[in-house]
């Protein structure tokens, strides 16, 4: 077939398809325009899932009559004038594609009035062709009405979901931007019913209340971390570990207050909760990352849903460390679930019971910035004084505290003790324990790769290794806490654990945790009362006595209130 230039109407429909996928896409573009226009109030109305009608009204700066038609020309924008601005985009919209793309696949009417004009202007466009234009009285701001969306593209329309599903997508979008802009009043009306209202008074927790409801909002923790030197920051809210959902729908991420979707950020958030949530459960979050505009590419996705970071590792670490520090600062001893299930995961401390680990709010000013290792020790309450009662299944230490019973996992507790000892500077710099006879180990390709990547760190922690052939090494010294174990097998176990968890955590933490894990006392080991008492005393002095270095809890709490309730005394 001969090469030909596409007809303008067909080219417009194809271009529109990149920007406008469904009704929520229209709402996204119009709401972003309203925010860029400095609106303090935005009302969104949808009918029929958005295909019948979408109405977005704002009180922003409006468009002057002389520029109204130009606004619907492709690539026309007031937000981008130079290459320098393209390299550091500071607005939500910038391509000049939204209005012409929407107008190409709908019947669109816009009424707008800037503050300096005595009257407004109205323009109507049907399927990309102007049908009316003229003066019209209206308040300051802009109103855009979109009807019969995809009426000229039946193939696109038939692939939309049900009205309720499409309405749900619109509601999700409006809710996300309400969370990102708490000083803007949002209102969403779906088929005549008001489904979301935010006050716009700047109180972020009030917006959480409007979006997530009172019960969830009360269990959200505020997070804040910043690094003034490079301009990175993390702000927002996350759920306490006792509040979680069955999917990722309630995880909202913003970059410079632009709502985005990012598997990397989702992974960083989930990693911060590692060991604190049940399997296949996910936290709630509304987090804004402040990143220098020059460090993020917002022009990498046609619909601007995804962005690219120039330094992904730095962003990942900033989010993970800030959230993890907030969770550590907040972490209580988890409540023990009763056989009848009466202890609700949503309310770990029933009315009348006392938690010895009060909830705190993490902030970068309180505990340092995320640019270095997380240091939340000052905010973590030590366990209450515990009296050893005995041992269950040669695995758990039973102890009595001021408010009930505690079960302590002896392996997890010892792992935390050893991890802190390994991480301590004075211990980490001590030479390893030399072996009388070197141990030879044969390494798999994966183990060999891990060893070579971490050779310097292994030496730092006390290993002394020498190459011996193509894929073998001689172990001449091991960390002192591993001196009583098989040196060759111990090294292989450590390398395997680092390989397994290497995608999840900072390498140094993995290595220290792996060494601690393979030297900690195991389940099935009988402990004397003195040994159990010593273990609990050492655990109290650690930086985070509530979790092991892999995030698992070290102890569970069965409160006096809970026991009395289960035995019918309350």
Protein backbone atom coordinates (compact mmCIF):
# COMPACT_ATOMS: atom_id res chain seq x y z
CA UNK A 1 0.00 0.00 0.00
CA UNK A 2 1.26 3.53 -0.75
CA UNK A 3 2.33 5.75 2.15
CA UNK A 4 -0.13 8.60 2.73
CA UNK A 5 -0.64 11.27 5.33
CA UNK A 6 -3.64 10.45 7.53
CA UNK A 7 -6.73 12.68 7.19
CA UNK A 8 -6.89 15.25 10.04
CA UNK A 9 -10.03 13.79 11.61
CA UNK A 10 -8.57 10.27 11.69
CA UNK A 11 -5.24 11.52 13.03
CA UNK A 12 -7.10 13.41 15.76
CA UNK A 13 -8.99 10.28 16.81
CA UNK A 14 -5.79 8.25 16.98
CA UNK A 15 -4.03 10.95 19.00
CA UNK A 16 -7.06 11.25 21.27
CA UNK A 17 -6.90 7.52 21.91
CA UNK A 18 -3.45 7.93 23.49
CA UNK A 19 -4.74 10.49 25.99
CA UNK A 20 -8.42 9.62 26.43
CA UNK A 21 -8.94 5.94 27.22
CA UNK A 22 -12.10 6.15 29.29
CA UNK A 23 -14.29 8.70 31.16
CA UNK A 24 -11.79 8.87 34.03
CA UNK A 25 -9.16 10.04 31.52
CA UNK A 26 -11.36 13.03 30.68
CA UNK A 27 -11.87 13.84 34.34
CA UNK A 28 -8.13 13.55 34.99
CA UNK A 29 -7.19 16.01 32.25
CA UNK A 30 -9.87 18.52 33.21
CA UNK A 31 -9.13 18.33 36.95
CA UNK A 32 -5.41 18.78 36.29
CA UNK A 33 -6.20 21.84 34.15
CA UNK A 34 -8.28 23.22 37.01
CA UNK A 35 -5.47 22.68 39.50
CA UNK A 36 -2.95 24.31 37.17
CA UNK A 37 -5.36 27.24 36.90
CA UNK A 38 -5.13 27.78 40.67
CA UNK A 39 -8.65 26.59 41.52
CA UNK A 40 -9.62 26.42 45.18
CA UNK A 41 -12.87 24.56 44.48
CA UNK A 42 -13.53 21.85 41.87
CA UNK A 43 -16.87 20.13 41.31
CA UNK A 44 -17.06 16.99 39.17
CA UNK A 45 -20.39 15.58 38.02
CA UNK A 46 -20.78 12.36 35.99
CA UNK A 47 -23.78 10.52 34.60
CA UNK A 48 -23.97 7.13 32.96
CA UNK A 49 -20.46 6.22 34.03
CA UNK A 50 -19.22 9.39 32.35
CA UNK A 51 -20.19 8.45 28.80
CA UNK A 52 -23.48 10.33 28.98
CA UNK A 53 -22.16 13.43 30.70
CA UNK A 54 -19.12 14.80 32.52
CA UNK A 55 -19.20 18.27 34.03
CA UNK A 56 -16.13 19.83 35.68
CA UNK A 57 -16.47 23.29 37.25
CA UNK A 58 -13.71 25.30 38.92
CA UNK A 59 -13.07 28.79 40.25
CA UNK A 60 -9.61 29.09 38.68
CA UNK A 61 -8.19 31.87 36.54
CA UNK A 62 -10.17 31.07 33.39
CA UNK A 63 -9.23 31.70 29.74
CA UNK A 64 -9.35 35.05 27.96
CA UNK A 65 -11.73 35.29 24.95
CA UNK A 66 -8.83 35.86 22.54
CA UNK A 67 -7.17 32.61 23.58
CA UNK A 68 -10.23 30.36 23.79
CA UNK A 69 -10.10 28.93 20.29
CA UNK A 70 -6.33 28.54 20.49
CA UNK A 71 -6.79 26.40 23.60
CA UNK A 72 -8.36 23.72 21.40
CA UNK A 73 -5.54 23.67 18.87
CA UNK A 74 -3.26 20.67 19.21
CA UNK A 75 -0.04 21.33 21.14
CA UNK A 76 -1.31 24.70 22.35
CA UNK A 77 -0.36 25.34 26.00
CA UNK A 78 0.39 28.21 28.36
CA UNK A 79 2.53 26.01 30.58
CA UNK A 80 5.56 25.26 28.46
CA UNK A 81 7.59 27.75 26.46
CA UNK A 82 11.19 26.48 26.31
CA UNK A 83 13.46 23.44 26.35
CA UNK A 84 14.57 24.38 29.86
CA UNK A 85 10.97 24.13 31.09
CA UNK A 86 10.59 20.77 29.35
CA UNK A 87 13.56 19.48 31.33
CA UNK A 88 11.96 20.53 34.62
CA UNK A 89 8.17 20.41 34.24
CA UNK A 90 6.42 21.97 37.22
CA UNK A 91 2.78 21.79 36.07
CA UNK A 92 0.36 18.88 35.81
CA UNK A 93 -0.49 19.63 32.19
CA UNK A 94 2.01 20.75 29.59
CA UNK A 95 1.48 19.02 26.22
CA UNK A 96 -1.52 20.96 24.96
CA UNK A 97 -3.27 17.74 23.92
CA UNK A 98 -6.01 17.35 26.51
CA UNK A 99 -8.70 19.73 25.23
CA UNK A 100 -8.40 18.88 21.51
CA UNK A 101 -8.24 15.15 22.34
CA UNK A 102 -11.41 15.31 24.41
CA UNK A 103 -13.18 17.48 21.82
CA UNK A 104 -12.29 15.00 19.06
CA UNK A 105 -14.29 12.17 20.70
CA UNK A 106 -17.23 13.98 22.29
CA UNK A 107 -19.61 16.91 22.23
CA UNK A 108 -17.86 19.53 24.35
CA UNK A 109 -18.95 22.89 25.69
CA UNK A 110 -16.67 25.23 27.64
CA UNK A 111 -17.75 28.38 29.46
CA UNK A 112 -14.97 30.43 30.99
CA UNK A 113 -14.27 33.82 32.50
CA UNK A 114 -10.98 35.24 33.83
CA UNK A 115 -11.16 37.60 36.86
CA UNK A 116 -10.37 40.69 34.80
CA UNK A 117 -13.25 40.16 32.34
CA UNK A 118 -16.72 41.52 32.92
CA UNK A 119 -18.35 38.59 31.11
CA UNK A 120 -17.52 35.08 30.06
CA UNK A 121 -17.12 33.28 26.77
CA UNK A 122 -18.64 30.04 25.53
CA UNK A 123 -17.38 27.65 22.87
CA UNK A 124 -19.02 24.43 21.65
CA UNK A 125 -17.22 21.71 19.67
CA UNK A 126 -18.82 18.57 18.25
CA UNK A 127 -16.42 15.74 17.32
CA UNK A 128 -13.58 18.19 16.79
CA UNK A 129 -15.53 20.77 14.77
CA UNK A 130 -16.51 24.11 16.33
CA UNK A 131 -20.25 24.58 16.36
CA UNK A 132 -20.66 27.77 18.43
CA UNK A 133 -18.66 30.56 19.99
CA UNK A 134 -19.76 33.74 21.75
CA UNK A 135 -20.11 35.77 24.92
CA UNK A 136 -22.03 34.36 27.88
CA UNK A 137 -22.53 35.40 31.46
CA UNK A 138 -20.84 33.14 34.01
CA UNK A 139 -18.84 33.31 37.26
CA UNK A 140 -15.05 33.53 37.33
CA UNK A 141 -13.51 30.20 36.48
CA UNK A 142 -14.17 27.47 33.92
CA UNK A 143 -16.89 24.93 33.33
CA UNK A 144 -16.40 22.10 30.82
CA UNK A 145 -19.29 19.84 29.85
CA UNK A 146 -18.53 16.66 27.91
CA UNK A 147 -21.39 14.53 26.60
CA UNK A 148 -21.78 11.45 24.40
CA UNK A 149 -18.18 10.43 24.97
CA UNK A 150 -16.89 8.13 22.18
CA UNK A 151 -20.20 8.57 20.36
CA UNK A 152 -18.22 8.76 17.12
CA UNK A 153 -16.05 5.78 18.09
CA UNK A 154 -18.38 2.85 18.83
CA UNK A 155 -15.46 0.40 18.83
CA UNK A 156 -13.83 2.28 21.69
CA UNK A 157 -17.09 2.66 23.55
CA UNK A 158 -17.93 -1.05 23.54
CA UNK A 159 -14.68 -1.84 25.35
CA UNK A 160 -15.62 0.29 28.35
CA UNK A 161 -16.71 -1.49 31.50
CA UNK A 162 -20.10 -1.15 33.19
CA UNK A 163 -21.33 2.26 34.28
CA UNK A 164 -20.66 1.43 37.92
CA UNK A 165 -17.09 0.37 37.16
CA UNK A 166 -16.37 3.50 35.13
CA UNK A 167 -17.93 5.64 37.85
CA UNK A 168 -15.71 3.90 40.37
CA UNK A 169 -12.63 4.83 38.35
CA UNK A 170 -13.73 8.47 38.33
CA UNK A 171 -14.31 8.36 42.07
CA UNK A 172 -10.86 6.88 42.64
CA UNK A 173 -9.27 9.62 40.58
CA UNK A 174 -11.09 12.48 42.31
CA UNK A 175 -10.28 10.95 45.69
CA UNK A 176 -6.60 10.74 44.80
CA UNK A 177 -6.38 14.39 43.85
CA UNK A 178 -8.34 15.39 46.94
CA UNK A 179 -5.66 13.62 48.99
CA UNK A 180 -2.88 15.34 47.07
CA UNK A 181 -4.47 18.80 47.36
CA UNK A 182 -6.09 19.11 50.82
CA UNK A 183 -6.36 22.90 50.42
CA UNK A 184 -8.64 22.48 47.38
CA UNK A 185 -12.32 21.68 48.02
CA UNK A 186 -13.43 18.75 45.85
CA UNK A 187 -16.95 17.54 45.27
CA UNK A 188 -18.01 14.53 43.20
CA UNK A 189 -21.60 13.94 42.15
CA UNK A 190 -22.39 10.60 40.50
CA UNK A 191 -25.79 10.24 38.80
CA UNK A 192 -27.20 12.99 40.98
CA UNK A 193 -25.81 11.58 44.23
CA UNK A 194 -22.98 13.29 46.09
CA UNK A 195 -20.35 10.62 46.65
CA UNK A 196 -17.32 12.61 47.83
CA UNK A 197 -16.79 15.97 49.46
CA UNK A 198 -13.58 17.39 50.88
CA UNK A 199 -13.45 20.61 52.87
CA UNK A 200 -10.40 22.17 51.21
CA UNK A 201 -9.31 23.68 54.53
CA UNK A 202 -5.78 22.32 54.20
CA UNK A 203 -6.17 19.70 56.94
CA UNK A 204 -4.90 16.50 55.32
CA UNK A 205 -6.40 14.23 57.98
CA UNK A 206 -9.87 15.66 57.28
CA UNK A 207 -9.42 14.70 53.63
CA UNK A 208 -8.41 11.20 54.74
CA UNK A 209 -11.64 11.07 56.70
CA UNK A 210 -13.63 12.04 53.60
CA UNK A 211 -11.87 9.49 51.39
CA UNK A 212 -11.27 6.49 53.66
CA UNK A 213 -13.85 6.94 56.40
CA UNK A 214 -13.44 7.62 60.11
CA UNK A 215 -12.26 4.18 61.21
CA UNK A 216 -9.43 3.99 58.69
CA UNK A 217 -8.46 7.65 59.07
CA UNK A 218 -7.95 7.20 62.81
CA UNK A 219 -5.47 4.39 62.20
CA UNK A 220 -3.34 6.31 59.70
CA UNK A 221 0.15 7.44 60.68
CA UNK A 222 1.67 10.66 59.44
CA UNK A 223 5.10 10.34 57.83
CA UNK A 224 7.61 13.00 56.99
CA UNK A 225 11.21 12.78 55.88
CA UNK A 226 13.41 15.16 53.99
CA UNK A 227 16.91 15.64 52.72
CA UNK A 228 17.48 19.39 52.32
CA UNK A 229 20.77 18.86 50.51
CA UNK A 230 19.27 17.17 47.44
CA UNK A 231 15.67 18.39 47.65
CA UNK A 232 14.05 14.99 48.18
CA UNK A 233 11.12 14.66 50.56
CA UNK A 234 8.45 12.16 51.63
CA UNK A 235 5.15 13.31 53.16
CA UNK A 236 1.78 11.75 53.71
CA UNK A 237 -0.05 9.05 55.61
CA UNK A 238 0.28 5.30 55.95
CA UNK A 239 -1.82 2.74 57.77
CA UNK A 240 -0.73 1.17 61.03
CA UNK A 241 0.05 -2.55 60.61
CA UNK A 242 -3.30 -3.52 62.11
CA UNK A 243 -5.10 -1.83 59.18
CA UNK A 244 -4.75 -3.48 55.79
CA UNK A 245 -6.67 -4.46 52.67
CA UNK A 246 -6.78 -7.40 50.27
CA UNK A 247 -5.45 -5.42 47.27
CA UNK A 248 -3.33 -2.39 46.37
CA UNK A 249 -6.27 -0.10 45.54
CA UNK A 250 -5.73 1.99 48.64
CA UNK A 251 -2.07 2.75 47.92
CA UNK A 252 -1.82 6.21 46.33
CA UNK A 253 1.46 7.74 45.21
CA UNK A 254 2.13 11.29 44.08
CA UNK A 255 5.29 12.83 42.70
CA UNK A 256 5.28 16.58 43.21
CA UNK A 257 1.54 16.13 43.81
CA UNK A 258 1.01 14.41 40.46
CA UNK A 259 -0.87 11.11 40.90
CA UNK A 260 1.11 8.31 39.30
CA UNK A 261 1.18 4.53 39.15
CA UNK A 262 4.53 2.92 39.93
CA UNK A 263 5.38 -0.70 40.63
CA UNK A 264 8.69 0.45 42.04
CA UNK A 265 7.04 2.70 44.63
CA UNK A 266 4.48 0.00 45.47
CA UNK A 267 7.32 -2.45 46.01
CA UNK A 268 9.21 0.03 48.21
CA UNK A 269 6.11 0.60 50.35
CA UNK A 270 5.36 -3.11 50.69
CA UNK A 271 8.99 -3.78 51.57
CA UNK A 272 8.76 -1.24 54.38
CA UNK A 273 5.90 -3.32 55.82
CA UNK A 274 7.85 -6.58 55.42
CA UNK A 275 7.06 -8.86 58.34
CA UNK A 276 4.35 -6.57 59.73
CA UNK A 277 1.37 -7.60 57.58
CA UNK A 278 -0.30 -10.95 56.99
CA UNK A 279 0.51 -12.65 53.71
CA UNK A 280 -1.22 -11.16 50.65
CA UNK A 281 -2.47 -8.13 52.59
CA UNK A 282 -1.60 -4.56 51.64
CA UNK A 283 -1.38 -1.23 53.48
CA UNK A 284 -3.28 1.98 52.90
CA UNK A 285 -1.19 4.97 51.93
CA UNK A 286 -1.35 8.46 50.49
CA UNK A 287 2.24 9.56 49.96
CA UNK A 288 3.69 12.50 48.09
CA UNK A 289 7.32 12.41 47.05
CA UNK A 290 8.96 15.75 46.49
CA UNK A 291 11.62 15.31 43.83
CA UNK A 292 13.54 18.08 42.04
CA UNK A 293 11.72 18.68 38.76
CA UNK A 294 14.92 18.07 36.82
CA UNK A 295 15.25 14.62 38.43
CA UNK A 296 11.93 13.23 37.16
CA UNK A 297 10.64 12.69 33.62
CA UNK A 298 6.85 13.13 33.53
CA UNK A 299 6.75 12.92 29.74
CA UNK A 300 7.42 9.19 29.47
CA UNK A 301 3.79 7.98 29.28
CA UNK A 302 1.10 9.17 26.82
CA UNK A 303 -1.45 9.60 29.59
CA UNK A 304 1.12 10.82 32.15
CA UNK A 305 0.26 7.92 34.49
CA UNK A 306 3.87 6.88 34.94
CA UNK A 307 7.09 8.80 35.43
CA UNK A 308 10.77 7.95 35.24
CA UNK A 309 13.25 8.86 37.94
CA UNK A 310 16.82 9.72 37.17
CA UNK A 311 17.88 8.06 40.43
CA UNK A 312 15.41 5.26 41.13
CA UNK A 313 17.52 3.82 43.94
CA UNK A 314 17.47 7.10 45.84
CA UNK A 315 13.68 7.40 45.51
CA UNK A 316 13.18 3.76 46.53
CA UNK A 317 15.39 4.19 49.58
CA UNK A 318 13.77 7.49 50.58
CA UNK A 319 10.29 6.00 50.59
CA UNK A 320 11.22 2.68 52.19
CA UNK A 321 13.32 4.14 54.97
CA UNK A 322 10.89 6.91 55.86
CA UNK A 323 7.90 4.56 56.03
CA UNK A 324 9.84 1.86 57.86
CA UNK A 325 11.04 4.35 60.47
CA UNK A 326 7.46 5.51 61.07
CA UNK A 327 6.29 1.92 61.46
CA UNK A 328 9.12 1.07 63.83
CA UNK A 329 8.36 4.14 65.92
CA UNK A 330 4.73 3.06 66.08
CA UNK A 331 5.23 -0.69 66.46
CA UNK A 332 3.50 -2.17 69.48
CA UNK A 333 3.86 -5.77 70.51
CA UNK A 334 1.26 -7.49 68.28
CA UNK A 335 -1.79 -8.79 70.16
CA UNK A 336 -2.27 -12.51 70.38
CA UNK A 337 -5.34 -13.66 68.44
CA UNK A 338 -7.66 -15.80 70.51
CA UNK A 339 -8.93 -19.16 69.20
CA UNK A 340 -12.41 -17.67 68.94
CA UNK A 341 -11.08 -14.79 66.89
CA UNK A 342 -12.55 -12.22 69.26
CA UNK A 343 -9.42 -10.08 69.19
CA UNK A 344 -9.98 -7.93 66.14
CA UNK A 345 -7.02 -7.15 63.93
CA UNK A 346 -8.58 -3.74 63.45
CA UNK A 347 -8.49 -3.03 67.20
CA UNK A 348 -5.50 -4.70 68.80
CA UNK A 349 -5.99 -2.93 72.13
CA UNK A 350 -9.63 -3.18 73.21
CA UNK A 351 -11.20 -0.46 75.29
CA UNK A 352 -9.92 -0.78 78.83
CA UNK A 353 -6.62 -2.44 77.95
CA UNK A 354 -3.28 -0.67 78.22
CA UNK A 355 -0.64 -0.70 75.48
CA UNK A 356 2.93 -0.14 76.65
CA UNK A 357 3.88 1.00 73.17
CA UNK A 358 2.02 4.24 72.45
CA UNK A 359 1.49 5.39 68.90
CA UNK A 360 3.86 8.14 67.80
CA UNK A 361 4.07 10.25 64.70
CA UNK A 362 7.33 10.00 62.79
CA UNK A 363 8.90 13.05 61.29
CA UNK A 364 12.26 13.70 59.76
CA UNK A 365 12.87 16.48 62.28
CA UNK A 366 12.31 14.11 65.20
CA UNK A 367 14.43 11.22 64.01
CA UNK A 368 16.75 12.51 61.32
CA UNK A 369 16.38 12.40 57.58
CA UNK A 370 16.15 9.40 55.30
CA UNK A 371 19.50 10.16 53.68
CA UNK A 372 21.28 7.90 56.17
CA UNK A 373 20.30 4.65 57.88
CA UNK A 374 17.05 4.69 59.76
CA UNK A 375 17.64 5.47 63.43
CA UNK A 376 14.36 5.27 65.23
CA UNK A 377 15.74 3.74 68.42
CA UNK A 378 15.03 6.82 70.47
CA UNK A 379 11.32 6.56 69.74
CA UNK A 380 10.90 2.81 70.34
CA UNK A 381 9.64 1.93 73.75
CA UNK A 382 11.43 -0.98 75.42
CA UNK A 383 9.29 -3.96 76.42
CA UNK A 384 7.88 -3.80 79.94
CA UNK A 385 9.75 -5.78 82.63
CA UNK A 386 9.01 -9.43 81.97
CA UNK A 387 9.14 -12.38 84.36
CA UNK A 388 10.05 -15.74 82.80
CA UNK A 389 7.39 -18.41 83.30
CA UNK A 390 8.65 -21.17 81.04
CA UNK A 391 9.15 -22.45 77.50
CA UNK A 392 6.61 -23.79 75.00
CA UNK A 393 7.56 -26.35 72.32
CA UNK A 394 11.23 -25.49 72.95
CA UNK A 395 10.59 -22.45 70.74
CA UNK A 396 8.69 -19.77 72.65
CA UNK A 397 9.49 -18.16 75.98
CA UNK A 398 6.40 -17.57 78.11
CA UNK A 399 6.70 -14.43 80.23
CA UNK A 400 4.45 -12.44 82.52
CA UNK A 401 4.29 -8.67 82.19
CA UNK A 402 2.43 -5.83 83.92
CA UNK A 403 -0.51 -6.31 81.58
CA UNK A 404 -0.85 -9.97 80.78
CA UNK A 405 1.16 -12.65 79.05
CA UNK A 406 3.90 -12.40 76.42
CA UNK A 407 5.15 -15.08 74.06
CA UNK A 408 8.69 -14.46 72.83
CA UNK A 409 10.11 -16.24 69.77
CA UNK A 410 13.57 -17.22 71.01
CA UNK A 411 15.09 -17.41 67.51
CA UNK A 412 13.68 -14.04 66.36
CA UNK A 413 14.69 -12.39 69.65
CA UNK A 414 18.24 -13.72 69.51
CA UNK A 415 18.47 -12.72 65.86
CA UNK A 416 17.63 -9.11 66.79
CA UNK A 417 20.24 -9.15 69.57
CA UNK A 418 22.96 -10.50 67.29
CA UNK A 419 22.01 -8.18 64.42
CA UNK A 420 22.44 -5.13 66.65
CA UNK A 421 25.74 -6.50 67.90
CA UNK A 422 26.97 -7.06 64.34
CA UNK A 423 25.86 -3.60 63.26
CA UNK A 424 27.55 -1.90 66.21
CA UNK A 425 30.71 -0.19 65.00
CA UNK A 426 32.98 -1.60 67.66
CA UNK A 427 31.90 -5.15 66.86
CA UNK A 428 31.78 -4.75 63.09
CA UNK A 429 35.40 -3.68 62.93
CA UNK A 430 36.76 -6.58 64.98
CA UNK A 431 38.68 -9.22 63.05
CA UNK A 432 36.99 -12.55 62.45
CA UNK A 433 37.76 -15.81 64.20
CA UNK A 434 40.66 -17.53 62.42
CA UNK A 435 40.18 -21.22 61.66
CA UNK A 436 42.85 -23.80 62.56
CA UNK A 437 42.13 -25.52 59.26
CA UNK A 438 40.67 -23.60 56.29
CA UNK A 439 37.36 -24.88 54.98
CA UNK A 440 36.92 -25.26 51.23
CA UNK A 441 33.53 -24.48 49.69
CA UNK A 442 32.27 -25.02 46.16
CA UNK A 443 29.97 -22.23 45.03
CA UNK A 444 27.08 -22.21 42.59
CA UNK A 445 27.09 -19.43 39.96
CA UNK A 446 24.53 -17.46 42.00
CA UNK A 447 26.55 -17.85 45.21
CA UNK A 448 29.75 -16.90 43.42
CA UNK A 449 28.12 -13.72 42.09
CA UNK A 450 26.86 -12.73 45.54
CA UNK A 451 30.27 -13.36 47.09
CA UNK A 452 32.11 -11.32 44.49
CA UNK A 453 29.66 -8.42 44.81
CA UNK A 454 29.96 -8.42 48.59
CA UNK A 455 33.62 -9.40 49.07
CA UNK A 456 34.55 -6.18 50.85
CA UNK A 457 31.55 -6.29 53.15
CA UNK A 458 32.14 -9.94 54.01
CA UNK A 459 35.68 -9.04 55.02
CA UNK A 460 34.34 -6.11 57.07
CA UNK A 461 32.18 -8.48 59.09
CA UNK A 462 34.99 -10.93 59.79
CA UNK A 463 35.21 -13.33 56.84
CA UNK A 464 38.60 -14.00 55.29
CA UNK A 465 38.24 -15.78 51.98
CA UNK A 466 40.69 -16.86 49.29
CA UNK A 467 39.92 -17.99 45.73
CA UNK A 468 40.75 -21.65 45.20
CA UNK A 469 40.15 -22.66 41.61
CA UNK A 470 37.40 -21.47 39.30
CA UNK A 471 34.35 -21.62 41.58
CA UNK A 472 35.79 -22.60 44.97
CA UNK A 473 36.99 -20.59 47.94
CA UNK A 474 38.94 -21.27 51.13
CA UNK A 475 37.35 -19.94 54.31
CA UNK A 476 40.18 -18.91 56.65
CA UNK A 477 38.22 -16.81 59.13
CA UNK A 478 34.55 -16.29 60.02
CA UNK A 479 32.63 -13.72 62.10
CA UNK A 480 33.14 -14.48 65.76
CA UNK A 481 29.48 -15.23 66.35
CA UNK A 482 29.69 -18.00 63.73
CA UNK A 483 32.81 -19.61 65.19
CA UNK A 484 30.95 -22.59 66.62
CA UNK A 485 29.22 -23.50 63.34
CA UNK A 486 30.40 -25.34 60.27
CA UNK A 487 32.31 -22.51 58.54
CA UNK A 488 31.75 -23.72 54.98
CA UNK A 489 28.05 -24.44 55.36
CA UNK A 490 27.58 -21.21 57.29
CA UNK A 491 29.04 -19.21 54.41
CA UNK A 492 26.82 -20.98 51.89
CA UNK A 493 23.73 -20.32 54.03
CA UNK A 494 24.60 -16.63 54.30
CA UNK A 495 25.19 -16.30 50.55
CA UNK A 496 21.92 -18.09 49.78
CA UNK A 497 19.97 -15.75 52.03
CA UNK A 498 21.59 -12.67 50.52
CA UNK A 499 20.80 -13.98 47.02
CA UNK A 500 17.19 -14.68 48.00
CA UNK A 501 16.53 -11.32 49.63
CA UNK A 502 18.93 -9.18 47.64
CA UNK A 503 16.16 -7.55 45.60
CA UNK A 504 14.31 -6.50 48.71
CA UNK A 505 16.69 -4.79 51.11
CA UNK A 506 19.88 -2.83 51.39
CA UNK A 507 22.75 -5.28 50.91
CA UNK A 508 24.54 -4.44 54.14
CA UNK A 509 21.40 -5.04 56.17
CA UNK A 510 20.84 -8.36 54.41
CA UNK A 511 24.33 -9.57 55.14
CA UNK A 512 24.20 -8.62 58.81
CA UNK A 513 20.72 -10.15 59.14
CA UNK A 514 21.86 -13.32 57.40
CA UNK A 515 24.84 -13.74 59.68
CA UNK A 516 22.64 -13.11 62.71
CA UNK A 517 20.04 -15.58 61.48
CA UNK A 518 22.49 -18.43 61.03
CA UNK A 519 24.12 -17.90 64.41
CA UNK A 520 20.96 -17.36 66.49
CA UNK A 521 19.62 -20.09 68.72
CA UNK A 522 17.11 -22.25 66.91
CA UNK A 523 13.62 -23.42 67.61
CA UNK A 524 13.78 -26.74 69.39
CA UNK A 525 16.63 -25.76 71.73
CA UNK A 526 15.95 -26.17 75.41
CA UNK A 527 16.87 -23.08 77.44
CA UNK A 528 17.41 -22.79 81.17
CA UNK A 529 15.55 -20.14 83.13
CA UNK A 530 18.77 -18.12 83.41
CA UNK A 531 19.30 -18.30 79.65
CA UNK A 532 15.73 -17.19 78.98
CA UNK A 533 16.04 -14.33 81.47
CA UNK A 534 19.32 -13.22 79.90
CA UNK A 535 17.77 -13.33 76.42
CA UNK A 536 14.88 -11.08 77.48
CA UNK A 537 17.22 -8.63 79.20
CA UNK A 538 19.40 -8.38 76.09
CA UNK A 539 16.32 -7.96 73.89
CA UNK A 540 15.18 -4.99 75.98
CA UNK A 541 18.43 -3.18 75.19
CA UNK A 542 18.20 -3.54 71.38
CA UNK A 543 17.31 -0.75 68.96
CA UNK A 544 14.03 -2.40 67.96
CA UNK A 545 13.01 -5.15 70.39
CA UNK A 546 9.67 -5.71 68.68
CA UNK A 547 10.87 -7.19 65.38
CA UNK A 548 13.76 -9.29 64.13
CA UNK A 549 15.98 -7.84 61.35
CA UNK A 550 13.78 -9.60 58.78
CA UNK A 551 10.69 -7.83 60.08
CA UNK A 552 9.05 -10.72 61.92
CA UNK A 553 7.67 -9.99 65.39
CA UNK A 554 9.82 -11.11 68.29
CA UNK A 555 6.89 -11.33 70.72
CA UNK A 556 3.12 -11.47 70.98
CA UNK A 557 1.01 -9.94 73.72
CA UNK A 558 -2.10 -11.43 75.34
CA UNK A 559 -3.49 -8.59 77.49
CA UNK A 560 -5.11 -9.02 80.89
CA UNK A 561 -8.27 -7.48 79.51
CA UNK A 562 -8.31 -10.02 76.70
CA UNK A 563 -7.79 -12.96 79.03
CA UNK A 564 -10.53 -11.77 81.37
CA UNK A 565 -12.90 -11.34 78.46
CA UNK A 566 -12.13 -14.79 77.05
CA UNK A 567 -12.73 -16.40 80.45
CA UNK A 568 -16.01 -14.51 80.88
CA UNK A 569 -14.78 -12.27 83.68
CA UNK A 570 -15.78 -9.14 81.72
